[in-house]
Amino acid sequence: MRRALIIWGVGAIAAGCATSATSSAVRSVAVKHQGASFEATAQGCERTRRTTVRQFTELADAVSWGKAAAALAPNRSCDVVVEAVRGDAREEVFRVSRDAHGVWTVGSVGSR
């Protein structure tokens, strides 16, 4: 348990390095998709590599969950895609990734 907390803490510090830039991007995307709900899908983050899907009403919560999921995936890659959902319409709006070497990518996804 203690080891998991230490690993989580180190990952959280790494994820927090670009917090102000991330916060600005999250606010911008949230305004653009006002009224939408958000679905975060994590792939490869758990030891079993299963796909995990979570629903959120706020984009900031979805991105925070994605960062936490990636921080808990030491020595393996983890990708979290956040989609804005309105009815049947879905649009990928944010991505959080951490590769097996600990390199993070956190940011909004441009419109297609």
PDB file of N, CA and C in Angstrom:
ATOM      1  N   MET A   1       0.827  -1.194   0.000  1.00  0.00           N
ATOM      2  CA  MET A   1       0.000   0.000   0.000  1.00  0.00           C
ATOM      3  C   MET A   1       0.873   1.261   0.000  1.00  0.00           C
ATOM      4  N   ARG A   2       1.871   1.278   0.871  1.00  0.00           N
ATOM      5  CA  ARG A   2       2.742   2.449   0.946  1.00  0.00           C
ATOM      6  C   ARG A   2       3.462   2.670  -0.385  1.00  0.00           C
ATOM      7  N   ARG A   3       3.936   1.561  -1.001  1.00  0.00           N
ATOM      8  CA  ARG A   3       4.614   1.669  -2.293  1.00  0.00           C
ATOM      9  C   ARG A   3       3.693   2.276  -3.342  1.00  0.00           C
ATOM     10  N   ALA A   4       2.440   1.839  -3.345  1.00  0.00           N
ATOM     11  CA  ALA A   4       1.474   2.380  -4.303  1.00  0.00           C
ATOM     12  C   ALA A   4       1.273   3.873  -4.089  1.00  0.00           C
ATOM     13  N   LEU A   5       1.218   4.310  -2.844  1.00  0.00           N
ATOM     14  CA  LEU A   5       1.047   5.735  -2.550  1.00  0.00           C
ATOM     15  C   LEU A   5       2.263   6.531  -3.000  1.00  0.00           C
ATOM     16  N   ILE A   6       3.453   5.985  -2.793  1.00  0.00           N
ATOM     17  CA  ILE A   6       4.660   6.676  -3.224  1.00  0.00           C
ATOM     18  C   ILE A   6       4.688   6.788  -4.745  1.00  0.00           C
ATOM     19  N   ILE A   7       4.375   5.706  -5.427  1.00  0.00           N
ATOM     20  CA  ILE A   7       4.341   5.726  -6.894  1.00  0.00           C
ATOM     21  C   ILE A   7       3.295   6.720  -7.375  1.00  0.00           C
ATOM     22  N   TRP A   8       2.123   6.715  -6.742  1.00  0.00           N
ATOM     23  CA  TRP A   8       1.071   7.647  -7.128  1.00  0.00           C
ATOM     24  C   TRP A   8       1.544   9.075  -6.916  1.00  0.00           C
ATOM     25  N   GLY A   9       2.210   9.333  -5.789  1.00  0.00           N
ATOM     26  CA  GLY A   9       2.691  10.682  -5.489  1.00  0.00           C
ATOM     27  C   GLY A   9       3.693  11.172  -6.508  1.00  0.00           C
ATOM     28  N   VAL A  10       4.631  10.323  -6.901  1.00  0.00           N
ATOM     29  CA  VAL A  10       5.625  10.685  -7.911  1.00  0.00           C
ATOM     30  C   VAL A  10       4.928  10.969  -9.239  1.00  0.00           C
ATOM     31  N   GLY A  11       3.990  10.116  -9.605  1.00  0.00           N
ATOM     32  CA  GLY A  11       3.254  10.331 -10.853  1.00  0.00           C
ATOM     33  C   GLY A  11       2.433  11.604 -10.820  1.00  0.00           C
ATOM     34  N   ALA A  12       1.832  11.871  -9.667  1.00  0.00           N
ATOM     35  CA  ALA A  12       1.021  13.083  -9.536  1.00  0.00           C
ATOM     36  C   ALA A  12       1.881  14.328  -9.669  1.00  0.00           C
ATOM     37  N   ILE A  13       3.095  14.285  -9.114  1.00  0.00           N
ATOM     38  CA  ILE A  13       4.002  15.423  -9.254  1.00  0.00           C
ATOM     39  C   ILE A  13       4.368  15.617 -10.723  1.00  0.00           C
ATOM     40  N   ALA A  14       4.681  14.531 -11.404  1.00  0.00           N
ATOM     41  CA  ALA A  14       5.024  14.627 -12.833  1.00  0.00           C
ATOM     42  C   ALA A  14       3.848  15.152 -13.637  1.00  0.00           C
ATOM     43  N   ALA A  15       2.661  14.677 -13.322  1.00  0.00           N
ATOM     44  CA  ALA A  15       1.471  15.115 -14.053  1.00  0.00           C
ATOM     45  C   ALA A  15       1.165  16.581 -13.785  1.00  0.00           C
ATOM     46  N   GLY A  16       1.528  17.054 -12.605  1.00  0.00           N
ATOM     47  CA  GLY A  16       1.225  18.426 -12.229  1.00  0.00           C
ATOM     48  C   GLY A  16       2.161  19.453 -12.816  1.00  0.00           C
ATOM     49  N   CYS A  17       3.249  19.043 -13.446  1.00  0.00           N
ATOM     50  CA  CYS A  17       4.235  19.984 -13.967  1.00  0.00           C
ATOM     51  C   CYS A  17       3.642  20.976 -14.959  1.00  0.00           C
ATOM     52  N   ALA A  18       2.703  20.544 -15.754  1.00  0.00           N
ATOM     53  CA  ALA A  18       2.112  21.428 -16.761  1.00  0.00           C
ATOM     54  C   ALA A  18       0.700  21.838 -16.365  1.00  0.00           C
ATOM     55  N   THR A  19       0.458  21.949 -15.067  1.00  0.00           N
ATOM     56  CA  THR A  19      -0.891  22.186 -14.577  1.00  0.00           C
ATOM     57  C   THR A  19      -1.508  23.478 -15.098  1.00  0.00           C
ATOM     58  N   SER A  20      -0.776  24.582 -15.076  1.00  0.00           N
ATOM     59  CA  SER A  20      -1.386  25.844 -15.504  1.00  0.00           C
ATOM     60  C   SER A  20      -1.731  25.821 -16.989  1.00  0.00           C
ATOM     61  N   ALA A  21      -0.853  25.265 -17.802  1.00  0.00           N
ATOM     62  CA  ALA A  21      -1.155  25.156 -19.227  1.00  0.00           C
ATOM     63  C   ALA A  21      -2.324  24.215 -19.457  1.00  0.00           C
ATOM     64  N   THR A  22      -2.339  23.115 -18.710  1.00  0.00           N
ATOM     65  CA  THR A  22      -3.432  22.155 -18.823  1.00  0.00           C
ATOM     66  C   THR A  22      -4.738  22.794 -18.375  1.00  0.00           C
ATOM     67  N   SER A  23      -4.713  23.524 -17.272  1.00  0.00           N
ATOM     68  CA  SER A  23      -5.922  24.167 -16.763  1.00  0.00           C
ATOM     69  C   SER A  23      -6.508  25.129 -17.787  1.00  0.00           C
ATOM     70  N   SER A  24      -5.650  25.874 -18.438  1.00  0.00           N
ATOM     71  CA  SER A  24      -6.100  26.811 -19.467  1.00  0.00           C
ATOM     72  C   SER A  24      -6.744  26.061 -20.636  1.00  0.00           C
ATOM     73  N   ALA A  25      -6.114  24.969 -21.057  1.00  0.00           N
ATOM     74  CA  ALA A  25      -6.655  24.176 -22.160  1.00  0.00           C
ATOM     75  C   ALA A  25      -7.980  23.536 -21.763  1.00  0.00           C
ATOM     76  N   VAL A  26      -8.067  23.045 -20.524  1.00  0.00           N
ATOM     77  CA  VAL A  26      -9.308  22.425 -20.044  1.00  0.00           C
ATOM     78  C   VAL A  26     -10.430  23.454 -20.043  1.00  0.00           C
ATOM     79  N   ARG A  27     -10.161  24.639 -19.536  1.00  0.00           N
ATOM     80  CA  ARG A  27     -11.193  25.697 -19.511  1.00  0.00           C
ATOM     81  C   ARG A  27     -11.665  26.030 -20.923  1.00  0.00           C
ATOM     82  N   SER A  28     -10.726  26.164 -21.832  1.00  0.00           N
ATOM     83  CA  SER A  28     -11.057  26.505 -23.217  1.00  0.00           C
ATOM     84  C   SER A  28     -11.945  25.435 -23.859  1.00  0.00           C
ATOM     85  N   VAL A  29     -11.564  24.173 -23.690  1.00  0.00           N
ATOM     86  CA  VAL A  29     -12.341  23.068 -24.266  1.00  0.00           C
ATOM     87  C   VAL A  29     -13.698  22.966 -23.583  1.00  0.00           C
ATOM     88  N   ALA A  30     -13.742  23.149 -22.263  1.00  0.00           N
ATOM     89  CA  ALA A  30     -15.009  23.058 -21.526  1.00  0.00           C
ATOM     90  C   ALA A  30     -15.999  24.122 -22.009  1.00  0.00           C
ATOM     91  N   VAL A  31     -15.510  25.327 -22.254  1.00  0.00           N
ATOM     92  CA  VAL A  31     -16.377  26.403 -22.751  1.00  0.00           C
ATOM     93  C   VAL A  31     -16.905  26.037 -24.138  1.00  0.00           C
ATOM     94  N   LYS A  32     -16.044  25.495 -24.967  1.00  0.00           N
ATOM     95  CA  LYS A  32     -16.428  25.112 -26.330  1.00  0.00           C
ATOM     96  C   LYS A  32     -17.495  24.013 -26.335  1.00  0.00           C
ATOM     97  N   HIS A  33     -17.492  23.175 -25.298  1.00  0.00           N
ATOM     98  CA  HIS A  33     -18.424  22.047 -25.221  1.00  0.00           C
ATOM     99  C   HIS A  33     -19.366  22.180 -24.030  1.00  0.00           C
ATOM    100  N   GLN A  34     -19.760  23.409 -23.754  1.00  0.00           N
ATOM    101  CA  GLN A  34     -20.662  23.677 -22.645  1.00  0.00           C
ATOM    102  C   GLN A  34     -21.961  22.886 -22.814  1.00  0.00           C
ATOM    103  N   GLY A  35     -22.393  22.239 -21.749  1.00  0.00           N
ATOM    104  CA  GLY A  35     -23.626  21.463 -21.796  1.00  0.00           C
ATOM    105  C   GLY A  35     -23.415  19.995 -22.144  1.00  0.00           C
ATOM    106  N   ALA A  36     -22.208  19.643 -22.530  1.00  0.00           N
ATOM    107  CA  ALA A  36     -21.919  18.234 -22.862  1.00  0.00           C
ATOM    108  C   ALA A  36     -21.520  17.489 -21.595  1.00  0.00           C
ATOM    109  N   SER A  37     -21.640  16.178 -21.640  1.00  0.00           N
ATOM    110  CA  SER A  37     -21.043  15.349 -20.594  1.00  0.00           C
ATOM    111  C   SER A  37     -19.745  14.811 -21.184  1.00  0.00           C
ATOM    112  N   PHE A  38     -18.925  14.203 -20.358  1.00  0.00           N
ATOM    113  CA  PHE A  38     -17.617  13.756 -20.825  1.00  0.00           C
ATOM    114  C   PHE A  38     -17.402  12.300 -20.436  1.00  0.00           C
ATOM    115  N   GLU A  39     -16.841  11.551 -21.368  1.00  0.00           N
ATOM    116  CA  GLU A  39     -16.554  10.144 -21.143  1.00  0.00           C
ATOM    117  C   GLU A  39     -15.055   9.928 -21.305  1.00  0.00           C
ATOM    118  N   ALA A  40     -14.425   9.400 -20.254  1.00  0.00           N
ATOM    119  CA  ALA A  40     -12.991   9.120 -20.285  1.00  0.00           C
ATOM    120  C   ALA A  40     -12.789   7.617 -20.432  1.00  0.00           C
ATOM    121  N   THR A  41     -11.972   7.229 -21.394  1.00  0.00           N
ATOM    122  CA  THR A  41     -11.672   5.826 -21.643  1.00  0.00           C
ATOM    123  C   THR A  41     -10.174   5.613 -21.476  1.00  0.00           C
ATOM    124  N   ALA A  42      -9.806   4.788 -20.487  1.00  0.00           N
ATOM    125  CA  ALA A  42      -8.400   4.482 -20.217  1.00  0.00           C
ATOM    126  C   ALA A  42      -8.065   3.120 -20.813  1.00  0.00           C
ATOM    127  N   GLN A  43      -6.961   3.064 -21.538  1.00  0.00           N
ATOM    128  CA  GLN A  43      -6.522   1.807 -22.155  1.00  0.00           C
ATOM    129  C   GLN A  43      -5.080   1.528 -21.756  1.00  0.00           C
ATOM    130  N   GLY A  44      -4.837   0.312 -21.248  1.00  0.00           N
ATOM    131  CA  GLY A  44      -3.488  -0.114 -20.903  1.00  0.00           C
ATOM    132  C   GLY A  44      -2.987   0.374 -19.570  1.00  0.00           C
ATOM    133  N   CYS A  45      -3.810   1.038 -18.790  1.00  0.00           N
ATOM    134  CA  CYS A  45      -3.352   1.646 -17.546  1.00  0.00           C
ATOM    135  C   CYS A  45      -3.273   0.664 -16.384  1.00  0.00           C
ATOM    136  N   GLU A  46      -4.094  -0.336 -16.383  1.00  0.00           N
ATOM    137  CA  GLU A  46      -4.114  -1.294 -15.285  1.00  0.00           C
ATOM    138  C   GLU A  46      -3.230  -2.488 -15.605  1.00  0.00           C
ATOM    139  N   ARG A  47      -2.863  -3.214 -14.578  1.00  0.00           N
ATOM    140  CA  ARG A  47      -2.014  -4.404 -14.778  1.00  0.00           C
ATOM    141  C   ARG A  47      -2.633  -5.389 -15.759  1.00  0.00           C
ATOM    142  N   THR A  48      -3.955  -5.489 -15.768  1.00  0.00           N
ATOM    143  CA  THR A  48      -4.636  -6.423 -16.662  1.00  0.00           C
ATOM    144  C   THR A  48      -4.800  -5.856 -18.069  1.00  0.00           C
ATOM    145  N   ARG A  49      -4.455  -4.571 -18.239  1.00  0.00           N
ATOM    146  CA  ARG A  49      -4.565  -3.876 -19.522  1.00  0.00           C
ATOM    147  C   ARG A  49      -6.010  -3.752 -20.016  1.00  0.00           C
ATOM    148  N   ARG A  50      -6.959  -3.946 -19.120  1.00  0.00           N
ATOM    149  CA  ARG A  50      -8.359  -3.821 -19.541  1.00  0.00           C
ATOM    150  C   ARG A  50      -8.706  -2.361 -19.804  1.00  0.00           C
ATOM    151  N   THR A  51      -9.727  -2.153 -20.581  1.00  0.00           N
ATOM    152  CA  THR A  51     -10.218  -0.810 -20.877  1.00  0.00           C
ATOM    153  C   THR A  51     -11.202  -0.408 -19.791  1.00  0.00           C
ATOM    154  N   THR A  52     -11.043   0.803 -19.277  1.00  0.00           N
ATOM    155  CA  THR A  52     -11.920   1.322 -18.235  1.00  0.00           C
ATOM    156  C   THR A  52     -12.585   2.593 -18.751  1.00  0.00           C
ATOM    157  N   VAL A  53     -13.893   2.693 -18.560  1.00  0.00           N
ATOM    158  CA  VAL A  53     -14.645   3.856 -19.026  1.00  0.00           C
ATOM    159  C   VAL A  53     -15.344   4.507 -17.830  1.00  0.00           C
ATOM    160  N   ARG A  54     -15.250   5.822 -17.734  1.00  0.00           N
ATOM    161  CA  ARG A  54     -15.911   6.568 -16.662  1.00  0.00           C
ATOM    162  C   ARG A  54     -16.655   7.760 -17.265  1.00  0.00           C
ATOM    163  N   GLN A  55     -17.788   8.091 -16.675  1.00  0.00           N
ATOM    164  CA  GLN A  55     -18.615   9.222 -17.106  1.00  0.00           C
ATOM    165  C   GLN A  55     -18.397  10.398 -16.154  1.00  0.00           C
ATOM    166  N   PHE A  56     -18.358  11.608 -16.696  1.00  0.00           N
ATOM    167  CA  PHE A  56     -18.168  12.820 -15.897  1.00  0.00           C
ATOM    168  C   PHE A  56     -19.069  13.935 -16.422  1.00  0.00           C
ATOM    169  N   THR A  57     -19.473  14.809 -15.534  1.00  0.00           N
ATOM    170  CA  THR A  57     -20.246  15.982 -15.956  1.00  0.00           C
ATOM    171  C   THR A  57     -19.323  17.166 -16.243  1.00  0.00           C
ATOM    172  N   GLU A  58     -18.106  17.129 -15.700  1.00  0.00           N
ATOM    173  CA  GLU A  58     -17.146  18.216 -15.888  1.00  0.00           C
ATOM    174  C   GLU A  58     -15.879  17.694 -16.561  1.00  0.00           C
ATOM    175  N   LEU A  59     -15.383  18.431 -17.545  1.00  0.00           N
ATOM    176  CA  LEU A  59     -14.168  18.042 -18.245  1.00  0.00           C
ATOM    177  C   LEU A  59     -12.979  17.990 -17.289  1.00  0.00           C
ATOM    178  N   ALA A  60     -12.867  18.948 -16.386  1.00  0.00           N
ATOM    179  CA  ALA A  60     -11.737  18.972 -15.448  1.00  0.00           C
ATOM    180  C   ALA A  60     -11.671  17.691 -14.626  1.00  0.00           C
ATOM    181  N   ASP A  61     -12.819  17.162 -14.230  1.00  0.00           N
ATOM    182  CA  ASP A  61     -12.846  15.914 -13.467  1.00  0.00           C
ATOM    183  C   ASP A  61     -12.370  14.737 -14.323  1.00  0.00           C
ATOM    184  N   ALA A  62     -12.772  14.715 -15.578  1.00  0.00           N
ATOM    185  CA  ALA A  62     -12.365  13.635 -16.490  1.00  0.00           C
ATOM    186  C   ALA A  62     -10.855  13.674 -16.723  1.00  0.00           C
ATOM    187  N   VAL A  63     -10.308  14.866 -16.907  1.00  0.00           N
ATOM    188  CA  VAL A  63      -8.870  15.003 -17.133  1.00  0.00           C
ATOM    189  C   VAL A  63      -8.101  14.630 -15.867  1.00  0.00           C
ATOM    190  N   SER A  64      -8.580  15.046 -14.707  1.00  0.00           N
ATOM    191  CA  SER A  64      -7.928  14.686 -13.438  1.00  0.00           C
ATOM    192  C   SER A  64      -7.919  13.178 -13.237  1.00  0.00           C
ATOM    193  N   TRP A  65      -9.044  12.539 -13.538  1.00  0.00           N
ATOM    194  CA  TRP A  65      -9.114  11.077 -13.430  1.00  0.00           C
ATOM    195  C   TRP A  65      -8.120  10.433 -14.393  1.00  0.00           C
ATOM    196  N   GLY A  66      -8.019  10.971 -15.611  1.00  0.00           N
ATOM    197  CA  GLY A  66      -7.076  10.444 -16.595  1.00  0.00           C
ATOM    198  C   GLY A  66      -5.637  10.564 -16.136  1.00  0.00           C
ATOM    199  N   LYS A  67      -5.291  11.700 -15.529  1.00  0.00           N
ATOM    200  CA  LYS A  67      -3.937  11.885 -15.005  1.00  0.00           C
ATOM    201  C   LYS A  67      -3.646  10.883 -13.891  1.00  0.00           C
ATOM    202  N   ALA A  68      -4.620  10.677 -13.017  1.00  0.00           N
ATOM    203  CA  ALA A  68      -4.434   9.720 -11.921  1.00  0.00           C
ATOM    204  C   ALA A  68      -4.273   8.300 -12.455  1.00  0.00           C
ATOM    205  N   ALA A  69      -5.068   7.940 -13.454  1.00  0.00           N
ATOM    206  CA  ALA A  69      -4.969   6.603 -14.051  1.00  0.00           C
ATOM    207  C   ALA A  69      -3.594   6.410 -14.682  1.00  0.00           C
ATOM    208  N   ALA A  70      -3.091   7.423 -15.384  1.00  0.00           N
ATOM    209  CA  ALA A  70      -1.779   7.323 -16.018  1.00  0.00           C
ATOM    210  C   ALA A  70      -0.659   7.290 -14.985  1.00  0.00           C
ATOM    211  N   ALA A  71      -0.829   8.017 -13.895  1.00  0.00           N
ATOM    212  CA  ALA A  71       0.195   8.032 -12.840  1.00  0.00           C
ATOM    213  C   ALA A  71       0.333   6.670 -12.175  1.00  0.00           C
ATOM    214  N   LEU A  72      -0.731   5.902 -12.156  1.00  0.00           N
ATOM    215  CA  LEU A  72      -0.702   4.578 -11.521  1.00  0.00           C
ATOM    216  C   LEU A  72      -0.238   3.478 -12.461  1.00  0.00           C
ATOM    217  N   ALA A  73       0.226   3.836 -13.639  1.00  0.00           N
ATOM    218  CA  ALA A  73       0.634   2.842 -14.639  1.00  0.00           C
ATOM    219  C   ALA A  73       2.152   2.852 -14.825  1.00  0.00           C
ATOM    220  N   PRO A  74       2.912   2.534 -13.781  1.00  0.00           N
ATOM    221  CA  PRO A  74       4.370   2.569 -13.922  1.00  0.00           C
ATOM    222  C   PRO A  74       4.860   1.459 -14.851  1.00  0.00           C
ATOM    223  N   ASN A  75       5.900   1.765 -15.607  1.00  0.00           N
ATOM    224  CA  ASN A  75       6.557   0.803 -16.494  1.00  0.00           C
ATOM    225  C   ASN A  75       5.659   0.230 -17.578  1.00  0.00           C
ATOM    226  N   ARG A  76       4.605   0.917 -17.915  1.00  0.00           N
ATOM    227  CA  ARG A  76       3.773   0.494 -19.039  1.00  0.00           C
ATOM    228  C   ARG A  76       3.067   1.748 -19.589  1.00  0.00           C
ATOM    229  N   SER A  77       2.662   1.666 -20.817  1.00  0.00           N
ATOM    230  CA  SER A  77       1.993   2.815 -21.417  1.00  0.00           C
ATOM    231  C   SER A  77       0.533   2.867 -20.974  1.00  0.00           C
ATOM    232  N   CYS A  78       0.010   4.066 -20.981  1.00  0.00           N
ATOM    233  CA  CYS A  78      -1.381   4.299 -20.586  1.00  0.00           C
ATOM    234  C   CYS A  78      -1.908   5.437 -21.445  1.00  0.00           C
ATOM    235  N   ASP A  79      -3.057   5.227 -22.053  1.00  0.00           N
ATOM    236  CA  ASP A  79      -3.698   6.263 -22.862  1.00  0.00           C
ATOM    237  C   ASP A  79      -5.111   6.482 -22.351  1.00  0.00           C
ATOM    238  N   VAL A  80      -5.454   7.744 -22.119  1.00  0.00           N
ATOM    239  CA  VAL A  80      -6.808   8.106 -21.704  1.00  0.00           C
ATOM    240  C   VAL A  80      -7.338   9.110 -22.713  1.00  0.00           C
ATOM    241  N   VAL A  81      -8.458   8.773 -23.325  1.00  0.00           N
ATOM    242  CA  VAL A  81      -9.107   9.648 -24.292  1.00  0.00           C
ATOM    243  C   VAL A  81     -10.391  10.155 -23.655  1.00  0.00           C
ATOM    244  N   VAL A  82     -10.581  11.467 -23.715  1.00  0.00           N
ATOM    245  CA  VAL A  82     -11.806  12.077 -23.179  1.00  0.00           C
ATOM    246  C   VAL A  82     -12.627  12.577 -24.363  1.00  0.00           C
ATOM    247  N   GLU A  83     -13.889  12.160 -24.398  1.00  0.00           N
ATOM    248  CA  GLU A  83     -14.799  12.586 -25.455  1.00  0.00           C
ATOM    249  C   GLU A  83     -15.921  13.434 -24.862  1.00  0.00           C
ATOM    250  N   ALA A  84     -16.303  14.487 -25.591  1.00  0.00           N
ATOM    251  CA  ALA A  84     -17.489  15.261 -25.247  1.00  0.00           C
ATOM    252  C   ALA A  84     -18.669  14.517 -25.858  1.00  0.00           C
ATOM    253  N   VAL A  85     -19.726  14.332 -25.066  1.00  0.00           N
ATOM    254  CA  VAL A  85     -20.885  13.568 -25.518  1.00  0.00           C
ATOM    255  C   VAL A  85     -22.134  14.430 -25.398  1.00  0.00           C
ATOM    256  N   ARG A  86     -22.862  14.550 -26.528  1.00  0.00           N
ATOM    257  CA  ARG A  86     -24.157  15.240 -26.567  1.00  0.00           C
ATOM    258  C   ARG A  86     -25.098  14.370 -27.357  1.00  0.00           C
ATOM    259  N   GLY A  87     -26.007  13.696 -26.681  1.00  0.00           N
ATOM    260  CA  GLY A  87     -26.905  12.781 -27.372  1.00  0.00           C
ATOM    261  C   GLY A  87     -26.116  11.665 -28.013  1.00  0.00           C
ATOM    262  N   ASP A  88     -26.262  11.493 -29.325  1.00  0.00           N
ATOM    263  CA  ASP A  88     -25.516  10.469 -30.061  1.00  0.00           C
ATOM    264  C   ASP A  88     -24.188  10.997 -30.601  1.00  0.00           C
ATOM    265  N   ALA A  89     -23.966  12.307 -30.493  1.00  0.00           N
ATOM    266  CA  ALA A  89     -22.739  12.909 -31.025  1.00  0.00           C
ATOM    267  C   ALA A  89     -21.598  12.787 -30.016  1.00  0.00           C
ATOM    268  N   ARG A  90     -20.424  12.395 -30.528  1.00  0.00           N
ATOM    269  CA  ARG A  90     -19.227  12.272 -29.697  1.00  0.00           C
ATOM    270  C   ARG A  90     -18.074  12.960 -30.415  1.00  0.00           C
ATOM    271  N   GLU A  91     -17.229  13.619 -29.622  1.00  0.00           N
ATOM    272  CA  GLU A  91     -16.039  14.244 -30.198  1.00  0.00           C
ATOM    273  C   GLU A  91     -14.887  14.088 -29.212  1.00  0.00           C
ATOM    274  N   GLU A  92     -13.771  13.557 -29.693  1.00  0.00           N
ATOM    275  CA  GLU A  92     -12.580  13.445 -28.861  1.00  0.00           C
ATOM    276  C   GLU A  92     -12.062  14.854 -28.606  1.00  0.00           C
ATOM    277  N   VAL A  93     -11.904  15.216 -27.313  1.00  0.00           N
ATOM    278  CA  VAL A  93     -11.518  16.585 -26.987  1.00  0.00           C
ATOM    279  C   VAL A  93     -10.231  16.697 -26.178  1.00  0.00           C
ATOM    280  N   PHE A  94      -9.833  15.627 -25.499  1.00  0.00           N
ATOM    281  CA  PHE A  94      -8.645  15.700 -24.644  1.00  0.00           C
ATOM    282  C   PHE A  94      -7.980  14.341 -24.590  1.00  0.00           C
ATOM    283  N   ARG A  95      -6.662  14.346 -24.425  1.00  0.00           N
ATOM    284  CA  ARG A  95      -5.912  13.086 -24.339  1.00  0.00           C
ATOM    285  C   ARG A  95      -4.846  13.221 -23.253  1.00  0.00           C
ATOM    286  N   VAL A  96      -4.734  12.160 -22.448  1.00  0.00           N
ATOM    287  CA  VAL A  96      -3.689  12.048 -21.442  1.00  0.00           C
ATOM    288  C   VAL A  96      -2.959  10.744 -21.727  1.00  0.00           C
ATOM    289  N   SER A  97      -1.648  10.819 -21.933  1.00  0.00           N
ATOM    290  CA  SER A  97      -0.867   9.614 -22.215  1.00  0.00           C
ATOM    291  C   SER A  97       0.407   9.622 -21.391  1.00  0.00           C
ATOM    292  N   ARG A  98       0.826   8.432 -21.037  1.00  0.00           N
ATOM    293  CA  ARG A  98       2.107   8.243 -20.368  1.00  0.00           C
ATOM    294  C   ARG A  98       2.710   6.991 -20.974  1.00  0.00           C
ATOM    295  N   ASP A  99       3.927   7.114 -21.517  1.00  0.00           N
ATOM    296  CA  ASP A  99       4.527   5.930 -22.121  1.00  0.00           C
ATOM    297  C   ASP A  99       5.281   5.112 -21.073  1.00  0.00           C
ATOM    298  N   ALA A 100       5.818   3.988 -21.488  1.00  0.00           N
ATOM    299  CA  ALA A 100       6.498   3.068 -20.571  1.00  0.00           C
ATOM    300  C   ALA A 100       7.754   3.679 -19.944  1.00  0.00           C
ATOM    301  N   HIS A 101       8.262   4.760 -20.526  1.00  0.00           N
ATOM    302  CA  HIS A 101       9.454   5.426 -19.999  1.00  0.00           C
ATOM    303  C   HIS A 101       9.094   6.596 -19.092  1.00  0.00           C
ATOM    304  N   GLY A 102       7.813   6.842 -18.900  1.00  0.00           N
ATOM    305  CA  GLY A 102       7.366   7.925 -18.022  1.00  0.00           C
ATOM    306  C   GLY A 102       7.184   9.259 -18.703  1.00  0.00           C
ATOM    307  N   VAL A 103       7.183   9.290 -20.027  1.00  0.00           N
ATOM    308  CA  VAL A 103       6.998  10.538 -20.769  1.00  0.00           C
ATOM    309  C   VAL A 103       5.504  10.825 -20.892  1.00  0.00           C
ATOM    310  N   TRP A 104       5.106  12.011 -20.442  1.00  0.00           N
ATOM    311  CA  TRP A 104       3.699  12.413 -20.416  1.00  0.00           C
ATOM    312  C   TRP A 104       3.344  13.258 -21.635  1.00  0.00           C
ATOM    313  N   THR A 105       2.101  13.095 -22.098  1.00  0.00           N
ATOM    314  CA  THR A 105       1.503  13.982 -23.086  1.00  0.00           C
ATOM    315  C   THR A 105       0.093  14.282 -22.579  1.00  0.00           C
ATOM    316  N   VAL A 106      -0.169  15.555 -22.328  1.00  0.00           N
ATOM    317  CA  VAL A 106      -1.477  15.962 -21.823  1.00  0.00           C
ATOM    318  C   VAL A 106      -1.910  17.160 -22.631  1.00  0.00           C
ATOM    319  N   GLY A 107      -3.087  17.078 -23.264  1.00  0.00           N
ATOM    320  CA  GLY A 107      -3.539  18.239 -24.013  1.00  0.00           C
ATOM    321  C   GLY A 107      -4.828  18.026 -24.764  1.00  0.00           C
ATOM    322  N   SER A 108      -5.326  19.140 -25.252  1.00  0.00           N
ATOM    323  CA  SER A 108      -6.573  19.097 -26.008  1.00  0.00           C
ATOM    324  C   SER A 108      -6.301  18.542 -27.388  1.00  0.00           C
ATOM    325  N   VAL A 109      -7.360  18.045 -28.003  1.00  0.00           N
ATOM    326  CA  VAL A 109      -7.284  17.470 -29.335  1.00  0.00           C
ATOM    327  C   VAL A 109      -8.038  18.408 -30.254  1.00  0.00           C
ATOM    328  N   GLY A 110      -7.406  18.799 -31.360  1.00  0.00           N
ATOM    329  CA  GLY A 110      -8.038  19.717 -32.303  1.00  0.00           C
ATOM    330  C   GLY A 110      -9.252  19.093 -32.965  1.00  0.00           C
ATOM    331  N   SER A 111     -10.169  19.928 -33.395  1.00  0.00           N
ATOM    332  CA  SER A 111     -11.361  19.443 -34.086  1.00  0.00           C
ATOM    333  C   SER A 111     -10.981  18.790 -35.398  1.00  0.00           C
ATOM    334  N   ARG A 112     -11.738  17.757 -35.726  1.00  0.00           N
ATOM    335  CA  ARG A 112     -11.475  17.044 -36.981  1.00  0.00           C
ATOM    336  C   ARG A 112     -12.241  17.662 -38.100  1.00  0.00           C
TER     337      ARG A 112
END
